[in-house]
Amino acid sequence: MRPAEPSQATARVGFVEQNATAATVSVCRIDDGVVYEVASGRVVNDTVGTQHLQLDLVMADGAWKVSTITRLQRWEGVAGCALAEADFPY
C-alpha cells in the first residue's frame, strides 16, 4: 500500500471514557491508501473511505494496548464523521 497523492488521510480521536485499567476512544479515520501490485504497479484499489471506530484499550505491563476495534460506521469518500464539527465524537 502507498499513500494517495495528494493524500486526505487523517484520524481524529475523541476521548470517551477511562478508568485505571481500561479506556474507550472514538476515532474518525479517512483512508485513502492505494493498494497496488508491486511487480507491475497496477492499482488494485484506490477508493477513499471514512470510518467511525471504537477502540477499547487495556492497561497491560504499564502501557495502553488495544484490545478490540469495532467499526461503528463506514462511508464511501470523505463523509460522515469526517464532516462533523470539531467536537467529534458526535
Protein backbone atom coordinates (compact mmCIF):
# COMPACT_ATOMS: atom_id res chain seq x y z
CA MET A 1 0.00 0.00 0.00
CA ARG A 2 1.16 3.54 -0.71
CA PRO A 3 -0.32 6.92 0.19
CA ALA A 4 -2.53 8.70 -2.31
CA GLU A 5 -1.11 11.81 -3.96
CA PRO A 6 -2.30 14.18 -2.61
CA SER A 7 -3.43 12.34 0.48
CA GLN A 8 -6.54 13.12 2.51
CA ALA A 9 -5.73 10.53 5.18
CA THR A 10 -6.45 11.69 8.72
CA ALA A 11 -7.51 10.30 12.06
CA ARG A 12 -9.34 12.32 14.71
CA VAL A 13 -9.55 10.82 18.17
CA GLY A 14 -12.27 11.70 20.64
CA PHE A 15 -11.97 10.70 24.28
CA VAL A 16 -14.91 8.69 25.54
CA GLU A 17 -14.10 7.18 28.95
CA GLN A 18 -11.24 5.87 31.09
CA ASN A 19 -10.51 4.25 34.42
CA ALA A 20 -7.28 2.84 35.85
CA THR A 21 -7.29 -0.35 33.77
CA ALA A 22 -9.45 0.31 30.69
CA ALA A 23 -10.31 3.08 28.26
CA THR A 24 -12.56 3.56 25.24
CA VAL A 25 -11.86 6.06 22.49
CA SER A 26 -13.77 7.08 19.39
CA VAL A 27 -11.84 7.51 16.13
CA CYS A 28 -12.86 9.06 12.83
CA ARG A 29 -10.48 7.86 10.12
CA ILE A 30 -10.17 8.75 6.44
CA ASP A 31 -8.34 6.04 4.50
CA ASP A 32 -7.12 6.82 1.00
CA GLY A 33 -4.26 4.34 0.83
CA VAL A 34 -3.66 2.90 -2.63
CA VAL A 35 -3.36 -0.88 -2.86
CA TYR A 36 -1.23 -1.88 -5.83
CA GLU A 37 0.74 -4.80 -7.25
CA VAL A 38 4.40 -4.21 -6.52
CA ALA A 39 5.67 -6.08 -9.59
CA SER A 40 3.52 -4.26 -12.16
CA GLY A 41 2.48 -1.09 -10.33
CA ARG A 42 -1.14 -1.85 -11.30
CA VAL A 43 -3.63 -0.22 -8.92
CA VAL A 44 -5.89 -2.80 -7.26
CA ASN A 45 -7.90 -0.43 -5.04
CA ASP A 46 -7.75 3.35 -4.76
CA THR A 47 -11.12 4.09 -3.19
CA VAL A 48 -11.39 6.59 -0.36
CA GLY A 49 -13.42 5.65 2.69
CA THR A 50 -14.28 7.13 6.08
CA GLN A 51 -14.75 5.01 9.18
CA HIS A 52 -16.05 5.72 12.67
CA LEU A 53 -14.30 3.29 15.01
CA GLN A 54 -14.45 2.49 18.71
CA LEU A 55 -11.19 1.31 20.26
CA ASP A 56 -11.17 -0.46 23.61
CA LEU A 57 -7.86 -0.33 25.41
CA VAL A 58 -6.49 -2.11 28.46
CA MET A 59 -3.56 -1.25 30.68
CA ALA A 60 -1.04 -4.10 30.40
CA ASP A 61 2.55 -4.09 31.62
CA GLY A 62 2.40 -0.36 32.23
CA ALA A 63 1.22 0.56 28.72
CA TRP A 64 -2.13 1.08 26.98
CA LYS A 65 -2.83 -1.68 24.46
CA VAL A 66 -5.73 -2.00 22.04
CA SER A 67 -7.92 -4.95 22.98
CA THR A 68 -10.72 -4.55 20.41
CA ILE A 69 -11.58 -2.37 17.44
CA THR A 70 -15.23 -2.05 16.45
CA ARG A 71 -16.27 -0.37 13.22
CA LEU A 72 -19.40 1.62 14.06
CA GLN A 73 -19.98 3.12 10.61
CA ARG A 74 -18.36 3.32 7.19
CA TRP A 75 -18.93 5.74 4.33
CA GLU A 76 -17.59 5.96 0.79
CA GLY A 77 -15.40 9.01 0.21
CA VAL A 78 -14.76 11.75 2.75
CA ALA A 79 -18.09 11.72 4.58
CA GLY A 80 -19.90 11.06 7.85
CA CYS A 81 -17.80 11.77 10.92
CA ALA A 82 -15.13 13.46 8.78
CA LEU A 83 -17.65 16.23 8.10
CA ALA A 84 -18.73 16.56 11.74
CA GLU A 85 -18.00 19.62 13.85
CA ALA A 86 -14.68 19.84 15.68
CA ASP A 87 -16.29 18.40 18.83
CA PHE A 88 -16.09 14.84 17.49
CA PRO A 89 -17.23 12.31 18.70
CA TYR A 90 -20.75 13.25 17.85
